[in-house]
Amino acid sequence: MTQHLADRTRPTSEARAPRPTPESGAAPRPPEWWRDAVIYQVYPRSFADGNGDGMGDLAGIRSRLPHLARLGVDAVWLSPFYASPQADAGYDVADYRAIDPMFGDLHDADALIRDAHDLGLRIIVDLVPNHSSDRHEWFQRALREGPGSPLRDRYHFRPGRGSGGELPPNDWESIFGGPAWTRLPEPDGEWYLHLFAPEQPDFNWENPAVRDEFRSVLRFWLDMGVDGFRIDVAHGLVKAPGLPDMGHAGQLRLLGTQVLPFFDQDGVHEIYRAWRQILDEYPNQRIGVAEAWTPNESRTALYVRPDELHQAFNFHYLNTPWDAAELRRVIDSSLDSMRPVGAPTTWVLSNHDVVRHRTRLGGGLARARAATLLMLALPGSAYVYQGEELGLPEVTDLPDEARQDPAFFRRGSGGDGQDGQDGLRDGCRVPIPWTRDGASFGFGGGAGWLPQPAGWGELSVQAQEGDPDSTLELYRSALAVRREQAALGAGDGVEWLEAPEGVLAFRRRGADGSAVLVVANTTEAPVELPAGCAGARLLLASGPCRADGPLPADTTAWWQG
């Protein structure tokens, strides 16, 4: 592979036409695509298997790109595919410039990026800067050279406490359970920090070599033609000076909001200001997306100030129950926090770390569909996790011997299964079904790396294709309407309307004078429609619904006007 993609112009096919803009005498600026983008997360292990070995790969993803283009998304975010021992499903990176052989090679990555661009899709890749694999060349050299080596300053090596150094340097805990420190055997005896698995030592971002290395990694992939980066643990790179104790007990929670000495330190923002300068060097609006767990929405907004990153995941919304009052509160606070920094709010219901929202929200498929239509009507950018367009539920009955989540082996199989860090994340990572039949329902040539439920075929793309009542066709319709309606997508506010208890009703207005009315019934009984729906044209509903009401339980509908 010798040709880079950095200077290519992203083609726009007729099917991917940009949202209409008001006429103007001056030539319009290119729209900032990321402000209202719908971004589809691909978990490479579980999307499509191109060589029949039971593991998803880049060739498989490439073969299924037409599905994503037809679905109507704007960009595809790929979870890690780098060279890795796979101690944490690729989030333990041994080489940031190489593809793990289980997924293919750099030629496959180049072909995938080319094909995506030809289909009008952008590609966002995962970047894992908080920690590397313990097999990374830097860490291996630091081990070999021993205490006192300058290489050890690229990570957090410390002597232990106690008379013989037998105690960890502080009381920090791993997100995956147990202490966040592992001691090396004597005669070395030093401890190293890992906020996740022991195979994932944390980088020391105070070291200039670490900063230089990641600026180089950014340019490597930007030169390959990627359109942006999802930054894993973006809040974790900088630790409080002196690595002070937490001072309290209690297991940390994935997607938590605790104030901690190793998360959400102000020093991370200097890093992202430097990265933004690199992103802005490249054409066609390359972006950075922060996975930042923060105590509140205002802290999240700091990551997307005009000179930092472009988007940050809105985990506060993801964690909100299916309750009208709670949803309205989080929607308002999310929009209010992003408005001062001029950044779009993001909305997400499912990802590779949490129980799929069809299961998590209770209420089954009807509620999941209603939640989706509500999310897609909110101002800003939306994220869709692979398989949710098929209405896939969480797989809750995986046998213990099939599980591969590292947290499962550290904490056992207990817990409530709600936040992913209890070792039950495999349930949302089961390979998705493409066909009604076959050993892996079209995922690949044989059985997948995690077992699929027996009835998976009836939820497949093949089974739902062309069925107007299917979840797949609902997603296709919703994304098409969202693109057609200037009142949906980008924006920073909603106009709330009077509605019965348990019902959300709001109006979105477009720059062209159009309006869309959105009503979501979170209750378990039908409700009368707000007055504004009278005589309005029904655009789309998440379930059976008459234009003149009442609105059924667990249903969201969009009206023109």
Protein backbone atom coordinates (compact mmCIF):
# COMPACT_ATOMS: atom_id res chain seq x y z
CA MET A 1 0.00 0.00 0.00
CA THR A 2 1.67 3.20 -1.14
CA GLN A 3 -1.06 5.69 -1.93
CA HIS A 4 -2.47 7.75 0.93
CA LEU A 5 -5.98 9.17 1.08
CA ALA A 6 -5.37 12.48 2.82
CA ASP A 7 -5.83 14.56 -0.32
CA ARG A 8 -8.92 12.80 -1.60
CA THR A 9 -12.21 14.64 -1.77
CA ARG A 10 -15.00 12.71 -0.14
CA PRO A 11 -17.55 11.99 -2.86
CA THR A 12 -21.20 12.59 -2.17
CA SER A 13 -23.55 10.27 -3.99
CA GLU A 14 -27.15 11.18 -4.73
CA ALA A 15 -28.26 8.92 -1.88
CA ARG A 16 -26.04 10.85 0.54
CA ALA A 17 -27.01 14.35 -0.54
CA PRO A 18 -26.35 17.02 2.07
CA ARG A 19 -29.17 18.54 4.12
CA PRO A 20 -30.85 21.47 2.32
CA THR A 21 -29.62 24.93 3.32
CA PRO A 22 -31.30 28.31 2.87
CA GLU A 23 -30.39 30.15 -0.30
CA SER A 24 -27.81 32.87 0.03
CA GLY A 25 -26.06 35.32 -2.24
CA ALA A 26 -22.67 34.19 -1.01
CA ALA A 27 -21.15 30.80 -1.57
CA PRO A 28 -22.08 28.72 1.50
CA ARG A 29 -19.39 27.33 3.76
CA PRO A 30 -19.17 23.54 3.72
CA PRO A 31 -21.54 22.31 6.43
CA GLU A 32 -19.84 20.90 9.52
CA TRP A 33 -20.91 17.32 8.92
CA TRP A 34 -20.22 16.20 12.48
CA ARG A 35 -22.80 18.54 14.02
CA ASP A 36 -25.75 16.35 13.05
CA ALA A 37 -24.03 13.14 11.91
CA VAL A 38 -25.45 9.72 12.64
CA ILE A 39 -22.44 7.55 13.41
CA TYR A 40 -22.62 3.75 13.40
CA GLN A 41 -20.35 1.81 15.73
CA VAL A 42 -18.85 -1.38 14.34
CA TYR A 43 -17.38 -3.83 16.82
CA PRO A 44 -15.07 -5.63 14.36
CA ARG A 45 -15.07 -9.01 16.11
CA SER A 46 -18.83 -9.28 15.79
CA PHE A 47 -19.90 -7.49 12.62
CA ALA A 48 -18.93 -9.74 9.70
CA ASP A 49 -16.40 -12.54 9.19
CA GLY A 50 -14.73 -12.36 5.78
CA ASN A 51 -12.55 -15.47 5.97
CA GLY A 52 -14.76 -17.92 7.84
CA ASP A 53 -12.60 -18.33 10.94
CA GLY A 54 -15.37 -17.29 13.33
CA MET A 55 -13.90 -13.85 14.04
CA GLY A 56 -15.09 -10.66 12.37
CA ASP A 57 -12.51 -8.80 10.31
CA LEU A 58 -11.89 -5.82 8.03
CA ALA A 59 -12.73 -7.79 4.88
CA GLY A 60 -16.07 -8.70 6.40
CA ILE A 61 -16.79 -5.09 7.33
CA ARG A 62 -15.88 -3.98 3.84
CA SER A 63 -18.32 -6.47 2.32
CA ARG A 64 -21.17 -5.11 4.46
CA LEU A 65 -20.58 -1.39 3.90
CA PRO A 66 -23.50 -1.21 1.42
CA HIS A 67 -25.82 -2.17 4.30
CA LEU A 68 -24.61 0.86 6.26
CA ALA A 69 -24.91 3.18 3.27
CA ARG A 70 -28.48 2.02 2.71
CA LEU A 71 -29.24 2.38 6.38
CA GLY A 72 -28.47 6.07 5.99
CA VAL A 73 -25.67 6.71 8.47
CA ASP A 74 -23.01 9.34 7.84
CA ALA A 75 -19.95 7.71 9.36
CA VAL A 76 -18.69 4.40 10.70
CA TRP A 77 -16.73 4.18 13.93
CA LEU A 78 -14.52 1.09 14.14
CA SER A 79 -13.59 -0.27 17.56
CA PRO A 80 -9.88 -1.24 17.83
CA PHE A 81 -8.34 -3.41 15.14
CA TYR A 82 -4.68 -2.80 16.03
CA ALA A 83 -2.04 -5.44 16.72
CA SER A 84 -2.89 -6.73 20.18
CA PRO A 85 -2.66 -9.80 22.42
CA GLN A 86 -6.45 -9.30 22.88
CA ALA A 87 -6.39 -9.30 26.66
CA ASP A 88 -9.21 -6.74 26.48
CA ALA A 89 -10.67 -7.25 23.01
CA GLY A 90 -8.09 -5.04 21.33
CA TYR A 91 -8.09 -2.20 23.85
CA ASP A 92 -4.62 -3.42 24.81
CA VAL A 93 -2.59 -2.18 21.84
CA ALA A 94 0.87 -3.56 21.09
CA ASP A 95 1.43 -1.57 17.87
CA TYR A 96 -0.64 1.49 16.96
CA ARG A 97 0.46 1.42 13.31
CA ALA A 98 -0.32 -2.22 12.54
CA ILE A 99 -3.49 -4.27 12.06
CA ASP A 100 -3.88 -7.40 14.13
CA PRO A 101 -3.65 -10.43 11.79
CA MET A 102 -7.00 -11.65 13.11
CA PHE A 103 -8.56 -8.61 11.38
CA GLY A 104 -6.36 -8.37 8.27
CA ASP A 105 -3.57 -5.99 7.38
CA LEU A 106 -2.96 -2.39 6.31
CA HIS A 107 -3.98 -3.22 2.74
CA ASP A 108 -7.39 -4.28 4.08
CA ALA A 109 -7.65 -1.05 6.06
CA ASP A 110 -6.80 1.01 2.99
CA ALA A 111 -9.39 -0.84 0.90
CA LEU A 112 -12.02 -0.39 3.60
CA ILE A 113 -11.41 3.36 3.80
CA ARG A 114 -11.53 3.66 0.00
CA ASP A 115 -14.79 1.73 -0.32
CA ALA A 116 -16.40 3.66 2.52
CA HIS A 117 -15.52 6.98 0.91
CA ASP A 118 -16.85 5.76 -2.44
CA LEU A 119 -20.17 5.05 -0.69
CA GLY A 120 -20.24 8.48 0.93
CA LEU A 121 -19.36 7.12 4.38
CA ARG A 122 -16.69 8.54 6.65
CA ILE A 123 -14.45 6.33 8.80
CA ILE A 124 -13.65 7.05 12.45
CA VAL A 125 -11.13 4.80 14.19
CA ASP A 126 -10.66 4.09 17.88
CA LEU A 127 -7.53 5.49 19.49
CA VAL A 128 -6.39 4.11 22.85
CA PRO A 129 -3.97 6.65 24.41
CA ASN A 130 -4.46 6.04 28.14
CA HIS A 131 -2.67 2.69 28.16
CA SER A 132 -0.89 0.22 25.93
CA SER A 133 -0.52 -3.53 25.99
CA ASP A 134 2.11 -4.94 28.30
CA ARG A 135 3.51 -6.46 25.07
CA HIS A 136 4.15 -3.00 23.62
CA GLU A 137 7.82 -2.55 22.72
CA TRP A 138 8.18 0.38 25.14
CA PHE A 139 6.86 -1.58 28.11
CA GLN A 140 8.92 -4.65 27.30
CA ARG A 141 12.09 -2.55 27.09
CA ALA A 142 11.22 -0.85 30.39
CA LEU A 143 10.93 -4.28 32.02
CA ARG A 144 14.24 -5.45 30.60
CA GLU A 145 16.16 -2.33 31.58
CA GLY A 146 14.89 -2.39 35.15
CA PRO A 147 14.47 0.25 37.89
CA GLY A 148 16.02 3.59 37.07
CA SER A 149 15.68 3.19 33.30
CA PRO A 150 14.41 6.32 31.48
CA LEU A 151 12.03 4.00 29.61
CA ARG A 152 10.11 3.43 32.84
CA ASP A 153 9.16 7.11 32.93
CA ARG A 154 6.92 6.50 29.89
CA TYR A 155 4.65 4.52 32.23
CA HIS A 156 3.94 4.81 35.96
CA PHE A 157 6.47 2.64 37.78
CA ARG A 158 6.77 3.18 41.53
CA PRO A 159 8.32 1.50 44.57
CA GLY A 160 5.79 0.02 46.95
CA ARG A 161 4.85 1.16 50.41
CA GLY A 162 5.58 -0.77 53.57
CA SER A 163 8.87 -1.85 55.07
CA GLY A 164 9.69 -4.09 52.13
CA GLY A 165 7.73 -2.34 49.38
CA GLU A 166 5.07 -5.05 49.63
CA LEU A 167 2.10 -2.65 49.54
CA PRO A 168 0.81 -0.83 46.43
CA PRO A 169 2.00 2.77 46.00
CA ASN A 170 -1.52 4.09 46.69
CA ASP A 171 -5.11 2.92 47.15
CA TRP A 172 -6.26 3.26 43.53
CA GLU A 173 -8.54 0.55 42.19
CA SER A 174 -8.82 -0.95 38.74
CA ILE A 175 -12.03 -0.41 36.80
CA PHE A 176 -11.99 -4.18 36.24
CA GLY A 177 -11.74 -4.92 39.97
CA GLY A 178 -8.92 -5.23 42.47
CA PRO A 179 -5.94 -2.91 42.91
CA ALA A 180 -4.75 -0.72 40.04
CA TRP A 181 -1.16 -1.78 40.68
CA THR A 182 0.78 -4.94 39.86
CA ARG A 183 4.15 -5.74 41.42
CA LEU A 184 6.98 -7.14 39.37
CA PRO A 185 8.82 -10.17 40.76
CA GLU A 186 11.96 -9.69 42.84
CA PRO A 187 14.67 -8.61 42.49
CA ASP A 188 12.88 -5.87 40.52
CA GLY A 189 10.04 -5.37 42.97
CA GLU A 190 8.58 -2.17 41.48
CA TRP A 191 4.87 -1.69 40.90
CA TYR A 192 3.24 -0.40 37.71
CA LEU A 193 -0.13 1.34 37.31
CA HIS A 194 -3.01 -0.09 35.26
CA LEU A 195 -6.45 1.46 35.66
CA PHE A 196 -7.85 -1.45 33.69
CA ALA A 197 -6.38 -4.96 33.33
CA PRO A 198 -2.79 -5.75 34.41
CA GLU A 199 -2.04 -6.30 30.72
CA GLN A 200 -2.88 -2.60 30.11
CA PRO A 201 -0.21 -0.42 31.78
CA ASP A 202 -1.07 3.30 31.85
CA PHE A 203 1.12 5.73 29.93
CA ASN A 204 2.71 8.65 31.77
CA TRP A 205 1.51 11.65 29.77
CA GLU A 206 3.91 13.95 31.57
CA ASN A 207 6.65 12.32 29.51
CA PRO A 208 7.35 14.23 26.24
CA ALA A 209 8.06 11.01 24.34
CA VAL A 210 4.49 9.82 24.94
CA ARG A 211 3.06 13.07 23.59
CA ASP A 212 5.35 12.97 20.55
CA GLU A 213 4.45 9.36 19.81
CA PHE A 214 0.72 9.96 19.74
CA ARG A 215 1.01 13.05 17.57
CA SER A 216 2.84 10.79 15.12
CA VAL A 217 0.17 8.09 15.41
CA LEU A 218 -2.54 10.65 14.65
CA ARG A 219 -0.78 11.72 11.48
CA PHE A 220 -0.20 8.11 10.39
CA TRP A 221 -3.94 7.38 10.33
CA LEU A 222 -4.93 10.79 9.00
CA ASP A 223 -2.54 10.19 6.11
CA MET A 224 -4.30 6.84 5.59
CA GLY A 225 -7.49 8.82 5.07
CA VAL A 226 -9.47 8.29 8.26
CA ASP A 227 -11.96 11.04 9.05
CA GLY A 228 -11.54 11.12 12.80
CA PHE A 229 -10.80 9.39 16.07
CA ARG A 230 -12.90 8.15 18.93
CA ILE A 231 -10.57 8.65 21.90
CA ASP A 232 -10.81 5.87 24.45
CA VAL A 233 -10.66 6.95 28.13
CA ALA A 234 -10.09 10.53 27.00
CA HIS A 235 -10.56 11.71 30.58
CA GLY A 236 -7.85 9.46 32.02
CA LEU A 237 -4.56 10.50 30.44
CA VAL A 238 -3.40 12.90 33.16
CA LYS A 239 -3.17 11.86 36.81
CA ALA A 240 -3.15 14.19 39.82
CA PRO A 241 0.40 15.25 40.83
CA GLY A 242 1.96 12.85 43.30
CA LEU A 243 -0.66 10.16 42.59
CA PRO A 244 -2.55 10.82 45.86
CA ASP A 245 -4.80 8.25 47.53
CA MET A 246 -8.50 8.22 46.66
CA GLY A 247 -9.14 8.15 50.37
CA HIS A 248 -12.25 6.02 50.22
CA ALA A 249 -13.27 2.47 49.45
CA GLY A 250 -15.89 1.12 47.09
CA GLN A 251 -15.51 -0.44 43.66
CA LEU A 252 -15.34 2.00 40.76
CA ARG A 253 -18.08 1.87 38.17
CA LEU A 254 -17.64 1.88 34.42
CA LEU A 255 -19.29 5.03 33.04
CA GLY A 256 -19.19 6.40 36.57
CA THR A 257 -19.29 10.02 37.73
CA GLN A 258 -17.02 9.94 40.79
CA VAL A 259 -14.48 12.71 41.34
CA LEU A 260 -11.17 10.82 41.21
CA PRO A 261 -7.46 11.74 41.18
CA PHE A 262 -6.86 9.81 37.95
CA PHE A 263 -9.86 10.91 35.87
CA ASP A 264 -10.93 14.25 34.37
CA GLN A 265 -7.85 16.19 35.44
CA ASP A 266 -7.53 19.65 33.90
CA GLY A 267 -4.20 18.76 32.29
CA VAL A 268 -5.89 16.63 29.60
CA HIS A 269 -7.11 19.75 27.82
CA GLU A 270 -3.62 20.87 26.83
CA ILE A 271 -3.24 17.53 25.04
CA TYR A 272 -6.45 17.93 23.07
CA ARG A 273 -5.65 21.50 22.08
CA ALA A 274 -2.46 20.16 20.48
CA TRP A 275 -4.39 17.38 18.77
CA ARG A 276 -6.97 19.81 17.41
CA GLN A 277 -4.20 21.70 15.62
CA ILE A 278 -3.20 18.47 13.89
CA LEU A 279 -6.77 17.63 12.90
CA ASP A 280 -7.22 21.11 11.44
CA GLU A 281 -4.15 20.64 9.21
CA TYR A 282 -6.07 18.08 7.15
CA PRO A 283 -8.88 18.73 4.65
CA ASN A 284 -12.48 17.57 4.83
CA GLN A 285 -13.12 18.21 8.53
CA ARG A 286 -11.35 15.44 10.47
CA ILE A 287 -12.75 15.17 13.98
CA GLY A 288 -11.99 13.99 17.51
CA VAL A 289 -14.62 12.39 19.75
CA ALA A 290 -14.01 12.08 23.48
CA GLU A 291 -15.04 9.11 25.54
CA ALA A 292 -15.00 11.16 28.72
CA TRP A 293 -16.64 10.01 31.95
CA THR A 294 -17.11 13.13 34.02
CA PRO A 295 -19.05 14.09 37.16
CA ASN A 296 -21.50 16.27 35.21
CA GLU A 297 -22.36 17.66 31.80
CA SER A 298 -20.50 20.92 32.43
CA ARG A 299 -17.24 19.02 32.90
CA THR A 300 -17.93 17.09 29.68
CA ALA A 301 -18.35 20.37 27.80
CA LEU A 302 -14.75 21.33 28.56
CA TYR A 303 -13.55 18.63 26.15
CA VAL A 304 -15.38 20.22 23.21
CA ARG A 305 -14.43 23.86 23.53
CA PRO A 306 -13.74 25.44 20.11
CA ASP A 307 -10.00 24.69 20.22
CA GLU A 308 -10.30 21.12 21.52
CA LEU A 309 -12.30 18.12 20.33
CA HIS A 310 -15.48 18.16 18.24
CA GLN A 311 -17.76 15.80 20.15
CA ALA A 312 -18.00 14.04 23.49
CA PHE A 313 -20.17 11.06 24.32
CA ASN A 314 -23.20 11.92 26.41
CA PHE A 315 -23.13 9.09 28.94
CA HIS A 316 -25.51 11.00 31.18
CA TYR A 317 -28.24 10.44 28.58
CA LEU A 318 -27.34 6.79 28.05
CA ASN A 319 -27.75 6.16 31.78
CA THR A 320 -31.18 7.81 32.00
CA PRO A 321 -34.18 5.52 32.61
CA TRP A 322 -37.28 5.50 30.40
CA ASP A 323 -38.97 8.21 32.43
CA ALA A 324 -40.31 11.44 30.93
CA ALA A 325 -39.27 13.74 33.78
CA GLU A 326 -35.75 12.29 33.97
CA LEU A 327 -35.32 12.37 30.21
CA ARG A 328 -36.43 16.00 29.99
CA ARG A 329 -34.03 16.97 32.77
CA VAL A 330 -31.06 15.29 31.07
CA ILE A 331 -31.98 16.63 27.63
CA ASP A 332 -32.14 20.18 28.99
CA SER A 333 -28.95 19.91 31.02
CA SER A 334 -27.09 18.33 28.10
CA LEU A 335 -28.12 21.06 25.67
CA ASP A 336 -27.49 23.80 28.23
CA SER A 337 -23.95 22.56 28.91
CA MET A 338 -22.95 22.38 25.24
CA ARG A 339 -24.50 25.67 24.15
CA PRO A 340 -21.85 27.96 25.73
CA VAL A 341 -18.99 26.14 23.97
CA GLY A 342 -20.80 25.90 20.64
CA ALA A 343 -20.49 22.12 20.43
CA PRO A 344 -23.19 19.67 19.34
CA THR A 345 -24.77 17.44 21.93
CA THR A 346 -24.44 13.72 21.26
CA TRP A 347 -27.01 11.05 22.01
CA VAL A 348 -26.44 7.32 22.40
CA LEU A 349 -28.49 4.40 23.74
CA SER A 350 -26.19 1.40 23.31
CA ASN A 351 -22.53 0.55 22.80
CA HIS A 352 -20.05 -2.29 23.32
CA ASP A 353 -19.78 -1.67 27.09
CA VAL A 354 -23.42 -1.57 28.19
CA VAL A 355 -26.49 -3.79 28.09
CA ARG A 356 -28.37 -3.27 24.83
CA HIS A 357 -31.15 -0.75 25.34
CA ARG A 358 -33.90 -3.14 24.25
CA THR A 359 -33.11 -5.10 27.42
CA ARG A 360 -31.74 -2.33 29.66
CA LEU A 361 -34.77 -0.05 29.42
CA GLY A 362 -37.28 -2.84 30.05
CA GLY A 363 -40.46 -2.89 28.03
CA GLY A 364 -39.04 -4.92 25.16
CA LEU A 365 -38.84 -4.00 21.51
CA ALA A 366 -41.66 -1.42 21.51
CA ARG A 367 -39.90 0.68 24.15
CA ALA A 368 -36.53 0.32 22.42
CA ARG A 369 -38.03 1.58 19.15
CA ALA A 370 -39.69 4.50 20.93
CA ALA A 371 -36.42 5.41 22.66
CA THR A 372 -34.62 5.34 19.31
CA LEU A 373 -37.10 7.67 17.61
CA LEU A 374 -36.88 10.07 20.54
CA MET A 375 -33.07 10.06 20.39
CA LEU A 376 -32.95 10.64 16.64
CA ALA A 377 -35.22 13.69 17.00
CA LEU A 378 -32.94 15.48 19.46
CA PRO A 379 -30.62 18.27 18.26
CA GLY A 380 -27.07 17.19 17.57
CA SER A 381 -25.33 13.98 16.58
CA ALA A 382 -26.54 10.43 17.26
CA TYR A 383 -24.66 7.14 17.66
CA VAL A 384 -26.05 3.75 16.67
CA TYR A 385 -24.47 0.52 17.89
CA GLN A 386 -24.33 -2.39 15.47
CA GLY A 387 -27.39 -4.62 15.68
CA GLU A 388 -29.67 -2.12 17.34
CA GLU A 389 -31.14 -1.43 13.88
CA LEU A 390 -32.26 -5.08 14.03
CA GLY A 391 -33.77 -4.69 17.50
CA LEU A 392 -31.29 -7.15 19.01
CA PRO A 393 -31.73 -7.84 22.73
CA GLU A 394 -28.92 -8.50 25.19
CA VAL A 395 -27.81 -12.14 25.21
CA THR A 396 -28.10 -12.89 28.91
CA ASP A 397 -27.57 -16.66 28.97
CA LEU A 398 -24.05 -17.05 27.60
CA PRO A 399 -22.30 -19.99 29.30
CA ASP A 400 -19.40 -19.07 31.54
CA GLU A 401 -16.96 -21.03 29.40
CA ALA A 402 -17.83 -18.87 26.37
CA ARG A 403 -17.26 -15.49 28.02
CA GLN A 404 -14.17 -13.45 27.15
CA ASP A 405 -14.64 -10.14 28.99
CA PRO A 406 -11.50 -9.77 31.17
CA ALA A 407 -13.56 -8.27 33.98
CA PHE A 408 -15.52 -11.54 34.17
CA PHE A 409 -12.41 -13.43 35.17
CA ARG A 410 -11.40 -10.82 37.73
CA ARG A 411 -14.78 -10.36 39.41
CA GLY A 412 -16.71 -13.53 38.63
CA SER A 413 -20.19 -13.55 37.18
CA GLY A 414 -22.00 -11.64 39.92
CA GLY A 415 -23.49 -8.18 39.65
CA ASP A 416 -26.54 -6.68 38.05
CA GLY A 417 -25.27 -6.65 34.47
CA GLN A 418 -26.24 -3.02 34.01
CA ASP A 419 -23.00 -1.12 33.58
CA GLY A 420 -20.63 -3.50 31.85
CA GLN A 421 -17.78 -3.55 34.36
CA ASP A 422 -19.04 -6.67 36.15
CA GLY A 423 -17.73 -8.94 33.41
CA LEU A 424 -20.98 -9.31 31.48
CA ARG A 425 -20.15 -7.12 28.48
CA ASP A 426 -20.07 -10.14 26.16
CA GLY A 427 -23.87 -10.12 25.98
CA CYS A 428 -23.89 -7.04 23.74
CA ARG A 429 -20.96 -8.30 21.66
CA VAL A 430 -22.48 -11.48 20.22
CA PRO A 431 -22.02 -11.59 16.41
CA ILE A 432 -24.96 -10.05 14.59
CA PRO A 433 -27.18 -12.08 12.22
CA TRP A 434 -27.34 -11.35 8.50
CA THR A 435 -29.35 -14.31 7.19
CA ARG A 436 -32.13 -16.55 8.49
CA ASP A 437 -30.08 -19.71 8.24
CA GLY A 438 -26.54 -21.01 8.44
CA ALA A 439 -24.10 -21.92 11.18
CA SER A 440 -23.67 -18.26 12.15
CA PHE A 441 -26.71 -16.69 10.43
CA GLY A 442 -24.55 -15.16 7.71
CA PHE A 443 -21.92 -13.75 10.05
CA GLY A 444 -19.26 -16.02 8.53
CA GLY A 445 -18.48 -19.51 7.34
CA GLY A 446 -18.80 -21.25 10.69
CA ALA A 447 -19.73 -20.62 14.28
CA GLY A 448 -18.83 -17.19 15.63
CA TRP A 449 -16.42 -16.41 18.46
CA LEU A 450 -19.41 -16.06 20.81
CA PRO A 451 -22.46 -18.33 20.44
CA GLN A 452 -25.58 -16.80 18.91
CA PRO A 453 -29.07 -17.60 20.24
CA ALA A 454 -31.04 -20.19 18.32
CA GLY A 455 -33.68 -17.67 17.22
CA TRP A 456 -31.19 -15.08 15.98
CA GLY A 457 -32.06 -15.72 12.31
CA GLU A 458 -35.53 -14.17 12.63
CA LEU A 459 -33.88 -10.91 13.68
CA SER A 460 -31.47 -10.95 10.74
CA VAL A 461 -31.15 -8.37 8.00
CA GLN A 462 -32.55 -10.91 5.54
CA ALA A 463 -35.61 -11.55 7.69
CA GLN A 464 -36.38 -7.84 8.16
CA GLU A 465 -35.51 -6.53 4.69
CA GLY A 466 -38.58 -5.04 3.02
CA ASP A 467 -40.92 -5.63 5.96
CA PRO A 468 -42.44 -2.19 6.66
CA ASP A 469 -43.08 -3.14 10.28
CA SER A 470 -39.54 -4.32 10.97
CA THR A 471 -37.06 -2.48 13.14
CA LEU A 472 -34.57 -2.35 10.27
CA GLU A 473 -37.03 -0.51 8.05
CA LEU A 474 -37.94 1.82 10.94
CA TYR A 475 -34.29 2.84 11.25
CA ARG A 476 -33.98 3.33 7.50
CA SER A 477 -37.11 5.47 7.45
CA ALA A 478 -36.09 7.47 10.50
CA LEU A 479 -32.68 8.32 9.10
CA ALA A 480 -34.18 9.25 5.73
CA VAL A 481 -36.75 11.57 7.35
CA ARG A 482 -34.07 13.02 9.60
CA ARG A 483 -32.01 13.90 6.54
CA GLU A 484 -34.94 15.31 4.60
CA GLN A 485 -36.30 17.50 7.39
CA ALA A 486 -34.29 20.67 8.00
CA ALA A 487 -35.90 20.90 11.46
CA LEU A 488 -34.15 17.71 12.59
CA GLY A 489 -30.45 17.12 13.16
CA ALA A 490 -28.23 20.09 13.97
CA GLY A 491 -29.30 22.62 16.58
CA ASP A 492 -28.97 23.42 20.24
CA GLY A 493 -32.49 23.61 21.62
CA VAL A 494 -36.02 22.24 21.74
CA GLU A 495 -39.33 24.01 22.27
CA TRP A 496 -41.15 22.09 24.99
CA LEU A 497 -44.94 21.79 24.73
CA GLU A 498 -47.57 21.03 27.33
CA ALA A 499 -48.16 17.30 27.61
CA PRO A 500 -49.73 14.81 30.03
CA GLU A 501 -47.61 13.34 32.81
CA GLY A 502 -45.23 10.72 31.44
CA VAL A 503 -45.20 12.28 27.97
CA LEU A 504 -42.49 14.32 26.27
CA ALA A 505 -43.64 16.76 23.59
CA PHE A 506 -41.45 19.28 21.81
CA ARG A 507 -41.10 21.13 18.54
CA ARG A 508 -37.93 21.40 16.45
CA ARG A 509 -37.68 24.28 13.97
CA GLY A 510 -35.54 24.47 10.84
CA ALA A 511 -33.75 27.46 9.35
CA ASP A 512 -36.08 27.18 6.34
CA GLY A 513 -39.16 27.79 8.51
CA SER A 514 -40.21 24.15 8.71
CA ALA A 515 -41.04 22.43 11.98
CA VAL A 516 -41.30 18.89 13.33
CA LEU A 517 -43.38 18.01 16.37
CA VAL A 518 -42.13 15.08 18.47
CA VAL A 519 -44.21 13.25 21.09
CA ALA A 520 -42.94 10.33 23.19
CA ASN A 521 -45.25 8.38 25.48
CA THR A 522 -43.15 6.72 28.22
CA THR A 523 -46.18 5.40 30.08
CA GLU A 524 -47.85 2.01 29.87
CA ALA A 525 -51.19 3.38 28.66
CA PRO A 526 -52.39 5.36 25.62
CA VAL A 527 -52.47 9.15 25.97
CA GLU A 528 -54.25 11.94 24.15
CA LEU A 529 -52.09 13.90 21.73
CA PRO A 530 -51.08 17.51 22.44
CA ALA A 531 -53.18 20.11 20.69
CA GLY A 532 -50.38 20.92 18.26
CA CYS A 533 -50.78 17.53 16.57
CA ALA A 534 -54.32 18.28 15.39
CA GLY A 535 -54.35 18.33 11.61
CA ALA A 536 -50.59 17.81 11.35
CA ARG A 537 -49.14 15.24 8.96
CA LEU A 538 -47.76 12.14 10.65
CA LEU A 539 -44.22 11.60 9.40
CA LEU A 540 -43.20 8.49 11.31
CA ALA A 541 -44.07 6.50 14.43
CA SER A 542 -42.18 3.84 16.32
CA GLY A 543 -45.25 1.58 16.39
CA PRO A 544 -48.87 1.42 15.20
CA CYS A 545 -50.25 4.93 15.52
CA ARG A 546 -53.14 6.97 14.07
CA ALA A 547 -52.45 10.51 12.99
CA ASP A 548 -55.29 11.78 15.20
CA GLY A 549 -54.31 9.70 18.28
CA PRO A 550 -54.39 8.53 20.94
CA LEU A 551 -50.67 7.77 21.16
CA PRO A 552 -50.11 4.16 22.33
CA ALA A 553 -47.93 3.20 25.28
CA ASP A 554 -44.15 3.17 24.70
CA THR A 555 -44.48 4.97 21.38
CA THR A 556 -42.78 8.00 19.83
CA ALA A 557 -44.12 9.80 16.78
CA TRP A 558 -43.00 12.67 14.55
CA TRP A 559 -45.44 15.12 12.89
CA GLN A 560 -44.83 17.80 10.27
CA GLY A 561 -45.48 21.14 11.91
